[in-house]
Amino acid sequence: MIRMHFCDADLRQITFAPAPNALWETALSVRLLLGAQTSRSWSRPGVRRLHQQVRGSLAERAGVLAPLVPPKNFIPTFLLQPDAGDFATGVKQASQTTSSNLAFDLSELSPAQQAGRWAQELADGASWARQTLASDLNRYFTSSVEPLWPQIQAEAAADRTLRAETLLRGGVDALLATLHPDCRWQPPTLYIPFGDDHDIALPGHGLLLIPSYFAPRLIVTYRPDAASVLTYPIFVGGQSTDQADVLGPLLGRTRAAVLAALRDPATTTSVAERVGTSLGSASQHATVLRNAGLVSTTRIGGAVLHTLTPLGQALLRSGPNVGS
């Protein structure tokens, strides 16, 4: 478990990247196709099409990128250039990484990732190794990711709108509480599932949130001298006719079911009966949805009545048949 601790300065400096990072998405797509898939990520039509397209030719397409991004190991941070506005700039910045940073990143790789003359030469900052990295990145992006890029940008723009509305209606607490169903926000700490235990005290530079089409889970990149980066899977609607399946990647299946149950206004007791959960669970999920601006609550005598807000109604309409 990663425990990310925020100070007041960090909470005031949470920002969203304007779009997915093209260089990072290129690396994450190779990692995903090599085996780090989940049911969430592979449910996306674009990922399935890409898999069919590159099947049997991934190693050739990715070149030296493939050994750098195996499914379960460290990804070199020089492949994330969060300040790059486009892919070409990202590649240029990555290939100009200082030799000391290259050597540090590559020292974190497994022995299998470090195998071969190219990786050793890159760690030493050799110009031919840098040029090979840039060439292979360009070839893979052009042949594999670029055809999907308009779709990726459109999906990320819709996700950004949803997150912005959540922030406006519910503040930072609502934003972080609904960022991803696998993480838990307990101010001032964000709990993120991970294989090992780590405590990360953000040093007051804030947090940059980068949406990703290819990341199957949250990815933390700590930067001591700048805003740390949290890459999160974007919410993609319109892939299923089942409400929990459509909204589950964003809200979690039970919370999505509670939201769907409120197409018709209901008390907490009625919500619990409709969803098949306990009264306490229904109340807790309704509270989170209310804080996120998706549900409004009115007290009537000794009971409370929950109704969808316009944002909640719009979210339920995100997939085919979901709002019917």
C-alpha atoms as a PDB file:
ATOM      1  CA  MET A   1       0.000   0.000   0.000  1.00  0.00           C
ATOM      2  CA  ILE A   2       1.243   3.472  -0.886  1.00  0.00           C
ATOM      3  CA  ARG A   3       0.234   6.130   1.616  1.00  0.00           C
ATOM      4  CA  MET A   4       0.538   9.542  -0.012  1.00  0.00           C
ATOM      5  CA  HIS A   5       0.486  12.280   2.620  1.00  0.00           C
ATOM      6  CA  PHE A   6      -0.604  15.769   1.575  1.00  0.00           C
ATOM      7  CA  CYS A   7       0.229  19.020   3.307  1.00  0.00           C
ATOM      8  CA  ASP A   8      -1.903  22.140   2.838  1.00  0.00           C
ATOM      9  CA  ALA A   9       0.406  23.419   0.098  1.00  0.00           C
ATOM     10  CA  ASP A  10       0.031  20.171  -1.844  1.00  0.00           C
ATOM     11  CA  LEU A  11      -3.760  20.260  -1.638  1.00  0.00           C
ATOM     12  CA  ARG A  12      -3.747  23.820  -2.999  1.00  0.00           C
ATOM     13  CA  GLN A  13      -1.605  22.751  -5.952  1.00  0.00           C
ATOM     14  CA  ILE A  14      -3.445  19.727  -7.331  1.00  0.00           C
ATOM     15  CA  THR A  15      -3.605  20.184 -11.087  1.00  0.00           C
ATOM     16  CA  PHE A  16      -4.742  18.195 -14.118  1.00  0.00           C
ATOM     17  CA  ALA A  17      -2.648  17.655 -17.210  1.00  0.00           C
ATOM     18  CA  PRO A  18      -4.497  19.081 -20.235  1.00  0.00           C
ATOM     19  CA  ALA A  19      -4.312  15.712 -22.010  1.00  0.00           C
ATOM     20  CA  PRO A  20      -2.672  12.281 -21.750  1.00  0.00           C
ATOM     21  CA  ASN A  21       1.093  12.357 -22.047  1.00  0.00           C
ATOM     22  CA  ALA A  22       1.885  10.905 -25.474  1.00  0.00           C
ATOM     23  CA  LEU A  23       5.352   9.603 -24.572  1.00  0.00           C
ATOM     24  CA  TRP A  24       4.089   7.995 -21.352  1.00  0.00           C
ATOM     25  CA  GLU A  25       1.106   6.474 -23.177  1.00  0.00           C
ATOM     26  CA  THR A  26       3.474   4.958 -25.723  1.00  0.00           C
ATOM     27  CA  ALA A  27       5.452   3.226 -22.970  1.00  0.00           C
ATOM     28  CA  LEU A  28       2.314   2.149 -21.090  1.00  0.00           C
ATOM     29  CA  SER A  29       0.732   0.680 -24.228  1.00  0.00           C
ATOM     30  CA  VAL A  30       3.763  -1.566 -24.763  1.00  0.00           C
ATOM     31  CA  ARG A  31       3.682  -2.586 -21.107  1.00  0.00           C
ATOM     32  CA  LEU A  32      -0.028  -3.399 -21.334  1.00  0.00           C
ATOM     33  CA  LEU A  33       0.341  -5.429 -24.501  1.00  0.00           C
ATOM     34  CA  LEU A  34       3.220  -7.382 -22.990  1.00  0.00           C
ATOM     35  CA  GLY A  35       0.875  -8.729 -20.345  1.00  0.00           C
ATOM     36  CA  ALA A  36      -0.095  -6.159 -17.710  1.00  0.00           C
ATOM     37  CA  GLN A  37      -3.748  -6.241 -18.752  1.00  0.00           C
ATOM     38  CA  THR A  38      -6.814  -6.134 -16.540  1.00  0.00           C
ATOM     39  CA  SER A  39     -10.474  -6.666 -17.343  1.00  0.00           C
ATOM     40  CA  ARG A  40     -10.944  -2.897 -17.136  1.00  0.00           C
ATOM     41  CA  SER A  41      -8.270  -2.001 -19.637  1.00  0.00           C
ATOM     42  CA  TRP A  42      -9.015  -4.778 -22.099  1.00  0.00           C
ATOM     43  CA  SER A  43     -12.705  -3.888 -22.141  1.00  0.00           C
ATOM     44  CA  ARG A  44     -11.768  -0.787 -24.108  1.00  0.00           C
ATOM     45  CA  PRO A  45     -12.324  -1.304 -27.841  1.00  0.00           C
ATOM     46  CA  GLY A  46      -9.239   0.698 -28.763  1.00  0.00           C
ATOM     47  CA  VAL A  47      -6.986  -1.545 -26.672  1.00  0.00           C
ATOM     48  CA  ARG A  48      -8.484  -4.688 -28.186  1.00  0.00           C
ATOM     49  CA  ARG A  49      -7.979  -3.319 -31.692  1.00  0.00           C
ATOM     50  CA  LEU A  50      -4.395  -2.371 -30.929  1.00  0.00           C
ATOM     51  CA  HIS A  51      -3.713  -5.847 -29.555  1.00  0.00           C
ATOM     52  CA  GLN A  52      -5.088  -7.438 -32.714  1.00  0.00           C
ATOM     53  CA  GLN A  53      -3.045  -5.055 -34.842  1.00  0.00           C
ATOM     54  CA  VAL A  54       0.333  -5.655 -33.191  1.00  0.00           C
ATOM     55  CA  ARG A  55      -0.094  -9.331 -32.305  1.00  0.00           C
ATOM     56  CA  GLY A  56       3.019 -11.172 -33.421  1.00  0.00           C
ATOM     57  CA  SER A  57       4.893  -7.971 -34.284  1.00  0.00           C
ATOM     58  CA  LEU A  58       5.086  -6.168 -30.936  1.00  0.00           C
ATOM     59  CA  ALA A  59       8.772  -6.893 -30.280  1.00  0.00           C
ATOM     60  CA  GLU A  60       9.721  -5.705 -33.755  1.00  0.00           C
ATOM     61  CA  ARG A  61       7.547  -2.582 -33.506  1.00  0.00           C
ATOM     62  CA  ALA A  62       8.674  -1.594 -30.006  1.00  0.00           C
ATOM     63  CA  GLY A  63      12.385  -2.297 -30.452  1.00  0.00           C
ATOM     64  CA  VAL A  64      14.470  -1.271 -27.430  1.00  0.00           C
ATOM     65  CA  LEU A  65      11.333   0.011 -25.686  1.00  0.00           C
ATOM     66  CA  ALA A  66      10.081  -3.526 -24.979  1.00  0.00           C
ATOM     67  CA  PRO A  67      12.762  -4.574 -22.436  1.00  0.00           C
ATOM     68  CA  LEU A  68      12.376  -1.234 -20.630  1.00  0.00           C
ATOM     69  CA  VAL A  69       8.694  -1.741 -19.773  1.00  0.00           C
ATOM     70  CA  PRO A  70       7.999  -5.374 -18.781  1.00  0.00           C
ATOM     71  CA  PRO A  71       4.582  -6.047 -17.213  1.00  0.00           C
ATOM     72  CA  LYS A  72       5.477  -6.001 -13.519  1.00  0.00           C
ATOM     73  CA  ASN A  73       8.706  -4.083 -13.150  1.00  0.00           C
ATOM     74  CA  PHE A  74       9.820  -0.498 -12.703  1.00  0.00           C
ATOM     75  CA  ILE A  75       9.258   1.870 -15.635  1.00  0.00           C
ATOM     76  CA  PRO A  76      12.141   4.321 -16.148  1.00  0.00           C
ATOM     77  CA  THR A  77      11.019   7.806 -15.226  1.00  0.00           C
ATOM     78  CA  PHE A  78      12.767   9.333 -18.235  1.00  0.00           C
ATOM     79  CA  LEU A  79       9.868   7.904 -20.262  1.00  0.00           C
ATOM     80  CA  LEU A  80       7.566  10.309 -18.413  1.00  0.00           C
ATOM     81  CA  GLN A  81       8.141  13.893 -19.475  1.00  0.00           C
ATOM     82  CA  PRO A  82       5.125  15.639 -17.887  1.00  0.00           C
ATOM     83  CA  ASP A  83       6.068  19.088 -19.190  1.00  0.00           C
ATOM     84  CA  ALA A  84       6.183  17.985 -22.831  1.00  0.00           C
ATOM     85  CA  GLY A  85       3.281  19.366 -24.823  1.00  0.00           C
ATOM     86  CA  ASP A  86       3.463  16.769 -27.586  1.00  0.00           C
ATOM     87  CA  PHE A  87       5.088  13.473 -28.480  1.00  0.00           C
ATOM     88  CA  ALA A  88       8.015  14.950 -30.425  1.00  0.00           C
ATOM     89  CA  THR A  89       8.947  17.203 -27.517  1.00  0.00           C
ATOM     90  CA  GLY A  90       8.662  14.284 -25.101  1.00  0.00           C
ATOM     91  CA  VAL A  91      11.008  12.139 -27.194  1.00  0.00           C
ATOM     92  CA  LYS A  92      13.489  14.990 -27.449  1.00  0.00           C
ATOM     93  CA  GLN A  93      13.458  15.548 -23.700  1.00  0.00           C
ATOM     94  CA  ALA A  94      13.769  11.821 -22.975  1.00  0.00           C
ATOM     95  CA  SER A  95      16.731  11.438 -25.319  1.00  0.00           C
ATOM     96  CA  GLN A  96      18.408  14.450 -23.679  1.00  0.00           C
ATOM     97  CA  THR A  97      18.095  13.070 -20.138  1.00  0.00           C
ATOM     98  CA  THR A  98      21.306  13.616 -18.205  1.00  0.00           C
ATOM     99  CA  SER A  99      23.673  10.663 -17.987  1.00  0.00           C
ATOM    100  CA  SER A 100      23.374  10.599 -14.199  1.00  0.00           C
ATOM    101  CA  ASN A 101      19.563  10.333 -14.365  1.00  0.00           C
ATOM    102  CA  LEU A 102      19.764   7.681 -17.080  1.00  0.00           C
ATOM    103  CA  ALA A 103      22.206   5.661 -15.016  1.00  0.00           C
ATOM    104  CA  PHE A 104      20.013   5.941 -11.905  1.00  0.00           C
ATOM    105  CA  ASP A 105      16.836   4.906 -13.729  1.00  0.00           C
ATOM    106  CA  LEU A 106      18.510   1.993 -15.470  1.00  0.00           C
ATOM    107  CA  SER A 107      20.074   0.823 -12.197  1.00  0.00           C
ATOM    108  CA  GLU A 108      16.516   0.324 -10.889  1.00  0.00           C
ATOM    109  CA  LEU A 109      15.702  -2.132 -13.663  1.00  0.00           C
ATOM    110  CA  SER A 110      15.805  -5.888 -13.271  1.00  0.00           C
ATOM    111  CA  PRO A 111      18.854  -7.765 -14.623  1.00  0.00           C
ATOM    112  CA  ALA A 112      16.772  -8.939 -17.599  1.00  0.00           C
ATOM    113  CA  GLN A 113      15.890  -5.338 -18.459  1.00  0.00           C
ATOM    114  CA  GLN A 114      19.541  -4.294 -18.216  1.00  0.00           C
ATOM    115  CA  ALA A 115      20.727  -7.103 -20.482  1.00  0.00           C
ATOM    116  CA  GLY A 116      22.405  -6.137 -23.722  1.00  0.00           C
ATOM    117  CA  ARG A 117      24.944  -3.627 -24.900  1.00  0.00           C
ATOM    118  CA  TRP A 118      22.340  -0.983 -25.741  1.00  0.00           C
ATOM    119  CA  ALA A 119      21.090  -0.592 -22.154  1.00  0.00           C
ATOM    120  CA  GLN A 120      24.633  -0.425 -20.813  1.00  0.00           C
ATOM    121  CA  GLU A 121      25.590   2.191 -23.392  1.00  0.00           C
ATOM    122  CA  LEU A 122      22.416   4.190 -22.662  1.00  0.00           C
ATOM    123  CA  ALA A 123      23.270   4.192 -18.960  1.00  0.00           C
ATOM    124  CA  ASP A 124      26.633   5.696 -19.956  1.00  0.00           C
ATOM    125  CA  GLY A 125      24.844   8.317 -22.076  1.00  0.00           C
ATOM    126  CA  ALA A 126      26.193   7.127 -25.446  1.00  0.00           C
ATOM    127  CA  SER A 127      24.801   9.192 -28.319  1.00  0.00           C
ATOM    128  CA  TRP A 128      24.061   6.164 -30.531  1.00  0.00           C
ATOM    129  CA  ALA A 129      22.025   4.579 -27.713  1.00  0.00           C
ATOM    130  CA  ARG A 130      20.055   7.806 -27.255  1.00  0.00           C
ATOM    131  CA  GLN A 131      19.391   7.947 -30.999  1.00  0.00           C
ATOM    132  CA  THR A 132      18.210   4.333 -31.009  1.00  0.00           C
ATOM    133  CA  LEU A 133      15.775   5.104 -28.198  1.00  0.00           C
ATOM    134  CA  ALA A 134      14.367   8.106 -30.065  1.00  0.00           C
ATOM    135  CA  SER A 135      14.111   6.188 -33.339  1.00  0.00           C
ATOM    136  CA  ASP A 136      12.302   3.202 -31.811  1.00  0.00           C
ATOM    137  CA  LEU A 137       9.925   5.440 -29.858  1.00  0.00           C
ATOM    138  CA  ASN A 138       9.009   7.312 -33.023  1.00  0.00           C
ATOM    139  CA  ARG A 139       8.528   4.143 -35.050  1.00  0.00           C
ATOM    140  CA  TYR A 140       6.283   2.487 -32.483  1.00  0.00           C
ATOM    141  CA  PHE A 141       4.183   5.592 -31.815  1.00  0.00           C
ATOM    142  CA  THR A 142       3.626   6.237 -35.527  1.00  0.00           C
ATOM    143  CA  SER A 143       2.711   2.649 -36.356  1.00  0.00           C
ATOM    144  CA  SER A 144       0.677   1.748 -33.279  1.00  0.00           C
ATOM    145  CA  VAL A 145      -0.471   4.572 -31.012  1.00  0.00           C
ATOM    146  CA  GLU A 146      -0.925   7.529 -33.341  1.00  0.00           C
ATOM    147  CA  PRO A 147      -3.928   6.034 -35.180  1.00  0.00           C
ATOM    148  CA  LEU A 148      -5.707   5.807 -31.801  1.00  0.00           C
ATOM    149  CA  TRP A 149      -4.657   9.239 -30.593  1.00  0.00           C
ATOM    150  CA  PRO A 150      -7.805  11.205 -31.610  1.00  0.00           C
ATOM    151  CA  GLN A 151      -9.963   8.667 -29.741  1.00  0.00           C
ATOM    152  CA  ILE A 152      -7.674   8.772 -26.705  1.00  0.00           C
ATOM    153  CA  GLN A 153      -7.816  12.574 -26.621  1.00  0.00           C
ATOM    154  CA  ALA A 154     -11.600  12.586 -26.904  1.00  0.00           C
ATOM    155  CA  GLU A 155     -12.020  10.067 -24.073  1.00  0.00           C
ATOM    156  CA  ALA A 156      -9.607  12.027 -21.893  1.00  0.00           C
ATOM    157  CA  ALA A 157     -11.443  15.310 -22.582  1.00  0.00           C
ATOM    158  CA  ALA A 158     -14.721  13.756 -21.405  1.00  0.00           C
ATOM    159  CA  ASP A 159     -12.987  12.438 -18.281  1.00  0.00           C
ATOM    160  CA  ARG A 160     -11.487  15.863 -17.597  1.00  0.00           C
ATOM    161  CA  THR A 161     -14.917  17.484 -17.795  1.00  0.00           C
ATOM    162  CA  LEU A 162     -16.330  14.990 -15.314  1.00  0.00           C
ATOM    163  CA  ARG A 163     -13.442  15.478 -12.871  1.00  0.00           C
ATOM    164  CA  ALA A 164     -13.677  19.262 -13.134  1.00  0.00           C
ATOM    165  CA  GLU A 165     -17.404  19.172 -12.386  1.00  0.00           C
ATOM    166  CA  THR A 166     -16.767  16.896  -9.407  1.00  0.00           C
ATOM    167  CA  LEU A 167     -14.160  19.338  -8.110  1.00  0.00           C
ATOM    168  CA  LEU A 168     -16.483  22.316  -8.556  1.00  0.00           C
ATOM    169  CA  ARG A 169     -19.367  20.649  -6.774  1.00  0.00           C
ATOM    170  CA  GLY A 170     -17.573  18.697  -4.062  1.00  0.00           C
ATOM    171  CA  GLY A 171     -14.102  20.184  -3.725  1.00  0.00           C
ATOM    172  CA  VAL A 172     -10.790  18.368  -3.380  1.00  0.00           C
ATOM    173  CA  ASP A 173     -12.246  15.738  -1.033  1.00  0.00           C
ATOM    174  CA  ALA A 174     -14.795  14.654  -3.642  1.00  0.00           C
ATOM    175  CA  LEU A 175     -12.176  14.691  -6.403  1.00  0.00           C
ATOM    176  CA  LEU A 176      -9.780  12.406  -4.545  1.00  0.00           C
ATOM    177  CA  ALA A 177     -12.526  10.176  -3.117  1.00  0.00           C
ATOM    178  CA  THR A 178     -13.821   9.352  -6.616  1.00  0.00           C
ATOM    179  CA  LEU A 179     -10.509   9.338  -8.477  1.00  0.00           C
ATOM    180  CA  HIS A 180     -10.383   5.543  -8.762  1.00  0.00           C
ATOM    181  CA  PRO A 181     -12.273   2.708  -7.028  1.00  0.00           C
ATOM    182  CA  ASP A 182      -9.044   1.093  -5.829  1.00  0.00           C
ATOM    183  CA  CYS A 183      -7.814   4.099  -3.872  1.00  0.00           C
ATOM    184  CA  ARG A 184      -9.152   5.536  -0.623  1.00  0.00           C
ATOM    185  CA  TRP A 185      -9.042   9.154   0.492  1.00  0.00           C
ATOM    186  CA  GLN A 186      -8.824   9.693   4.233  1.00  0.00           C
ATOM    187  CA  PRO A 187      -7.648  13.312   4.664  1.00  0.00           C
ATOM    188  CA  PRO A 188      -4.831  14.136   4.490  1.00  0.00           C
ATOM    189  CA  THR A 189      -3.729  10.723   3.125  1.00  0.00           C
ATOM    190  CA  LEU A 190      -4.493   8.994  -0.162  1.00  0.00           C
ATOM    191  CA  TYR A 191      -4.204   5.191   0.059  1.00  0.00           C
ATOM    192  CA  ILE A 192      -3.170   3.506  -3.198  1.00  0.00           C
ATOM    193  CA  PRO A 193      -2.898  -0.286  -3.603  1.00  0.00           C
ATOM    194  CA  PHE A 194       0.658  -1.474  -4.172  1.00  0.00           C
ATOM    195  CA  GLY A 195       2.667  -4.607  -3.559  1.00  0.00           C
ATOM    196  CA  ASP A 196       4.934  -3.064  -0.912  1.00  0.00           C
ATOM    197  CA  ASP A 197       4.323  -0.545   1.850  1.00  0.00           C
ATOM    198  CA  HIS A 198       5.518   2.995   1.148  1.00  0.00           C
ATOM    199  CA  ASP A 199       4.878   6.307   2.867  1.00  0.00           C
ATOM    200  CA  ILE A 200       5.259   9.297   0.554  1.00  0.00           C
ATOM    201  CA  ALA A 201       5.221  12.727   2.186  1.00  0.00           C
ATOM    202  CA  LEU A 202       4.673  15.202  -0.618  1.00  0.00           C
ATOM    203  CA  PRO A 203       7.138  18.083  -0.185  1.00  0.00           C
ATOM    204  CA  GLY A 204       4.724  20.943  -0.869  1.00  0.00           C
ATOM    205  CA  HIS A 205       5.024  21.104  -4.671  1.00  0.00           C
ATOM    206  CA  GLY A 206       1.554  19.683  -5.314  1.00  0.00           C
ATOM    207  CA  LEU A 207       0.343  16.776  -7.400  1.00  0.00           C
ATOM    208  CA  LEU A 208      -0.128  16.554 -11.160  1.00  0.00           C
ATOM    209  CA  LEU A 209      -2.912  14.202 -12.255  1.00  0.00           C
ATOM    210  CA  ILE A 210      -2.347  12.677 -15.694  1.00  0.00           C
ATOM    211  CA  PRO A 211      -5.177  10.710 -17.339  1.00  0.00           C
ATOM    212  CA  SER A 212      -4.191   7.522 -19.140  1.00  0.00           C
ATOM    213  CA  TYR A 213      -5.926   5.280 -21.638  1.00  0.00           C
ATOM    214  CA  PHE A 214      -3.425   2.444 -21.249  1.00  0.00           C
ATOM    215  CA  ALA A 215      -2.683   2.443 -17.511  1.00  0.00           C
ATOM    216  CA  PRO A 216      -4.613  -0.436 -15.889  1.00  0.00           C
ATOM    217  CA  ARG A 217      -4.102   1.013 -12.404  1.00  0.00           C
ATOM    218  CA  LEU A 218      -2.793   4.072 -10.573  1.00  0.00           C
ATOM    219  CA  ILE A 219       0.901   4.837 -11.066  1.00  0.00           C
ATOM    220  CA  VAL A 220       2.812   7.125  -8.678  1.00  0.00           C
ATOM    221  CA  THR A 221       5.896   9.045  -9.782  1.00  0.00           C
ATOM    222  CA  TYR A 222       7.526  10.911  -6.900  1.00  0.00           C
ATOM    223  CA  ARG A 223       9.480  14.052  -7.747  1.00  0.00           C
ATOM    224  CA  PRO A 224      11.196  15.818  -4.815  1.00  0.00           C
ATOM    225  CA  ASP A 225      11.800  19.108  -6.649  1.00  0.00           C
ATOM    226  CA  ALA A 226       8.541  19.427  -8.599  1.00  0.00           C
ATOM    227  CA  ALA A 227       4.935  18.313  -8.457  1.00  0.00           C
ATOM    228  CA  SER A 228       4.752  14.543  -8.093  1.00  0.00           C
ATOM    229  CA  VAL A 229       2.692  12.726 -10.710  1.00  0.00           C
ATOM    230  CA  LEU A 230      -0.266  10.394 -10.277  1.00  0.00           C
ATOM    231  CA  THR A 231      -1.271   8.647 -13.486  1.00  0.00           C
ATOM    232  CA  TYR A 232      -4.833   7.366 -13.324  1.00  0.00           C
ATOM    233  CA  PRO A 233      -6.980   5.317 -15.757  1.00  0.00           C
ATOM    234  CA  ILE A 234      -9.512   7.549 -17.469  1.00  0.00           C
ATOM    235  CA  PHE A 235     -13.185   6.753 -17.125  1.00  0.00           C
ATOM    236  CA  VAL A 236     -14.550   5.487 -20.432  1.00  0.00           C
ATOM    237  CA  GLY A 237     -18.309   5.161 -20.757  1.00  0.00           C
ATOM    238  CA  GLY A 238     -20.412   3.569 -23.463  1.00  0.00           C
ATOM    239  CA  GLN A 239     -18.932   0.061 -23.313  1.00  0.00           C
ATOM    240  CA  SER A 240     -21.650  -1.900 -21.571  1.00  0.00           C
ATOM    241  CA  THR A 241     -25.383  -1.910 -21.017  1.00  0.00           C
ATOM    242  CA  ASP A 242     -24.966  -2.731 -17.342  1.00  0.00           C
ATOM    243  CA  GLN A 243     -24.719   0.294 -15.090  1.00  0.00           C
ATOM    244  CA  ALA A 244     -22.228  -1.235 -12.662  1.00  0.00           C
ATOM    245  CA  ASP A 245     -20.010  -2.366 -15.533  1.00  0.00           C
ATOM    246  CA  VAL A 246     -20.103   1.053 -17.190  1.00  0.00           C
ATOM    247  CA  LEU A 247     -19.512   3.158 -14.091  1.00  0.00           C
ATOM    248  CA  GLY A 248     -17.583   0.615 -12.022  1.00  0.00           C
ATOM    249  CA  PRO A 249     -14.149   1.715 -13.270  1.00  0.00           C
ATOM    250  CA  LEU A 250     -14.912   5.227 -12.011  1.00  0.00           C
ATOM    251  CA  LEU A 251     -17.000   4.747  -8.876  1.00  0.00           C
ATOM    252  CA  GLY A 252     -16.735   1.068  -7.895  1.00  0.00           C
ATOM    253  CA  ARG A 253     -19.494  -1.421  -8.640  1.00  0.00           C
ATOM    254  CA  THR A 254     -21.577  -0.945  -5.469  1.00  0.00           C
ATOM    255  CA  ARG A 255     -21.429   2.844  -5.606  1.00  0.00           C
ATOM    256  CA  ALA A 256     -22.301   2.760  -9.311  1.00  0.00           C
ATOM    257  CA  ALA A 257     -25.273   0.525  -8.501  1.00  0.00           C
ATOM    258  CA  VAL A 258     -26.416   3.009  -5.838  1.00  0.00           C
ATOM    259  CA  LEU A 259     -26.213   5.836  -8.361  1.00  0.00           C
ATOM    260  CA  ALA A 260     -28.197   3.826 -10.909  1.00  0.00           C
ATOM    261  CA  ALA A 261     -30.813   2.947  -8.274  1.00  0.00           C
ATOM    262  CA  LEU A 262     -31.532   6.649  -7.831  1.00  0.00           C
ATOM    263  CA  ARG A 263     -33.004   7.190 -11.287  1.00  0.00           C
ATOM    264  CA  ASP A 264     -36.159   7.354  -9.219  1.00  0.00           C
ATOM    265  CA  PRO A 265     -35.752   9.307  -5.939  1.00  0.00           C
ATOM    266  CA  ALA A 266     -35.460   7.013  -2.951  1.00  0.00           C
ATOM    267  CA  THR A 267     -34.805   6.944   0.770  1.00  0.00           C
ATOM    268  CA  THR A 268     -31.662   5.290   2.100  1.00  0.00           C
ATOM    269  CA  THR A 269     -33.693   2.235   3.083  1.00  0.00           C
ATOM    270  CA  SER A 270     -35.137   1.930  -0.421  1.00  0.00           C
ATOM    271  CA  VAL A 271     -31.693   2.303  -1.963  1.00  0.00           C
ATOM    272  CA  ALA A 272     -30.370  -0.497   0.241  1.00  0.00           C
ATOM    273  CA  GLU A 273     -33.256  -2.741  -0.841  1.00  0.00           C
ATOM    274  CA  ARG A 274     -32.812  -1.930  -4.544  1.00  0.00           C
ATOM    275  CA  VAL A 275     -29.066  -2.580  -4.497  1.00  0.00           C
ATOM    276  CA  GLY A 276     -29.136  -5.487  -2.065  1.00  0.00           C
ATOM    277  CA  THR A 277     -26.712  -3.990   0.412  1.00  0.00           C
ATOM    278  CA  SER A 278     -26.841  -2.981   4.064  1.00  0.00           C
ATOM    279  CA  LEU A 279     -28.419   0.246   5.257  1.00  0.00           C
ATOM    280  CA  GLY A 280     -25.051   1.493   6.519  1.00  0.00           C
ATOM    281  CA  SER A 281     -23.367   0.743   3.186  1.00  0.00           C
ATOM    282  CA  ALA A 282     -26.129   2.482   1.224  1.00  0.00           C
ATOM    283  CA  SER A 283     -25.853   5.536   3.463  1.00  0.00           C
ATOM    284  CA  GLN A 284     -22.071   5.659   3.112  1.00  0.00           C
ATOM    285  CA  HIS A 285     -22.163   5.410  -0.685  1.00  0.00           C
ATOM    286  CA  ALA A 286     -24.934   8.010  -0.925  1.00  0.00           C
ATOM    287  CA  THR A 287     -22.809  10.378   1.166  1.00  0.00           C
ATOM    288  CA  VAL A 288     -19.797   9.990  -1.151  1.00  0.00           C
ATOM    289  CA  LEU A 289     -22.019  10.538  -4.204  1.00  0.00           C
ATOM    290  CA  ARG A 290     -23.542  13.622  -2.591  1.00  0.00           C
ATOM    291  CA  ASN A 291     -20.097  15.041  -1.793  1.00  0.00           C
ATOM    292  CA  ALA A 292     -19.125  14.475  -5.430  1.00  0.00           C
ATOM    293  CA  GLY A 293     -22.143  16.462  -6.606  1.00  0.00           C
ATOM    294  CA  LEU A 294     -23.908  13.473  -8.164  1.00  0.00           C
ATOM    295  CA  VAL A 295     -26.738  13.199  -5.633  1.00  0.00           C
ATOM    296  CA  SER A 296     -28.710  15.692  -3.560  1.00  0.00           C
ATOM    297  CA  THR A 297     -30.282  14.783  -0.227  1.00  0.00           C
ATOM    298  CA  THR A 298     -33.362  16.244   1.447  1.00  0.00           C
ATOM    299  CA  ARG A 299     -34.532  15.375   4.952  1.00  0.00           C
ATOM    300  CA  ILE A 300     -38.209  14.437   5.210  1.00  0.00           C
ATOM    301  CA  GLY A 301     -39.230  13.858   8.791  1.00  0.00           C
ATOM    302  CA  GLY A 302     -37.086  11.052  10.142  1.00  0.00           C
ATOM    303  CA  ALA A 303     -35.905   9.905   6.710  1.00  0.00           C
ATOM    304  CA  VAL A 304     -33.784  11.355   3.910  1.00  0.00           C
ATOM    305  CA  LEU A 305     -34.678  11.398   0.232  1.00  0.00           C
ATOM    306  CA  HIS A 306     -31.901  11.076  -2.331  1.00  0.00           C
ATOM    307  CA  THR A 307     -32.275  12.391  -5.897  1.00  0.00           C
ATOM    308  CA  LEU A 308     -29.892  12.649  -8.822  1.00  0.00           C
ATOM    309  CA  THR A 309     -28.363  16.013  -9.671  1.00  0.00           C
ATOM    310  CA  PRO A 310     -27.993  17.031 -13.350  1.00  0.00           C
ATOM    311  CA  LEU A 311     -24.391  15.795 -13.175  1.00  0.00           C
ATOM    312  CA  GLY A 312     -25.531  12.415 -11.844  1.00  0.00           C
ATOM    313  CA  GLN A 313     -28.139  12.162 -14.585  1.00  0.00           C
ATOM    314  CA  ALA A 314     -25.561  13.027 -17.224  1.00  0.00           C
ATOM    315  CA  LEU A 315     -23.177  10.403 -15.897  1.00  0.00           C
ATOM    316  CA  LEU A 316     -25.866   7.711 -16.100  1.00  0.00           C
ATOM    317  CA  ARG A 317     -26.478   8.659 -19.724  1.00  0.00           C
ATOM    318  CA  SER A 318     -22.823   8.022 -20.616  1.00  0.00           C
ATOM    319  CA  GLY A 319     -23.440   4.513 -21.966  1.00  0.00           C
ATOM    320  CA  PRO A 320     -25.999   2.956 -24.320  1.00  0.00           C
ATOM    321  CA  ASN A 321     -29.245   1.897 -22.618  1.00  0.00           C
ATOM    322  CA  VAL A 322     -27.898   3.081 -19.243  1.00  0.00           C
ATOM    323  CA  GLY A 323     -30.295   5.981 -19.071  1.00  0.00           C
ATOM    324  CA  SER A 324     -33.258   4.230 -20.674  1.00  0.00           C
END
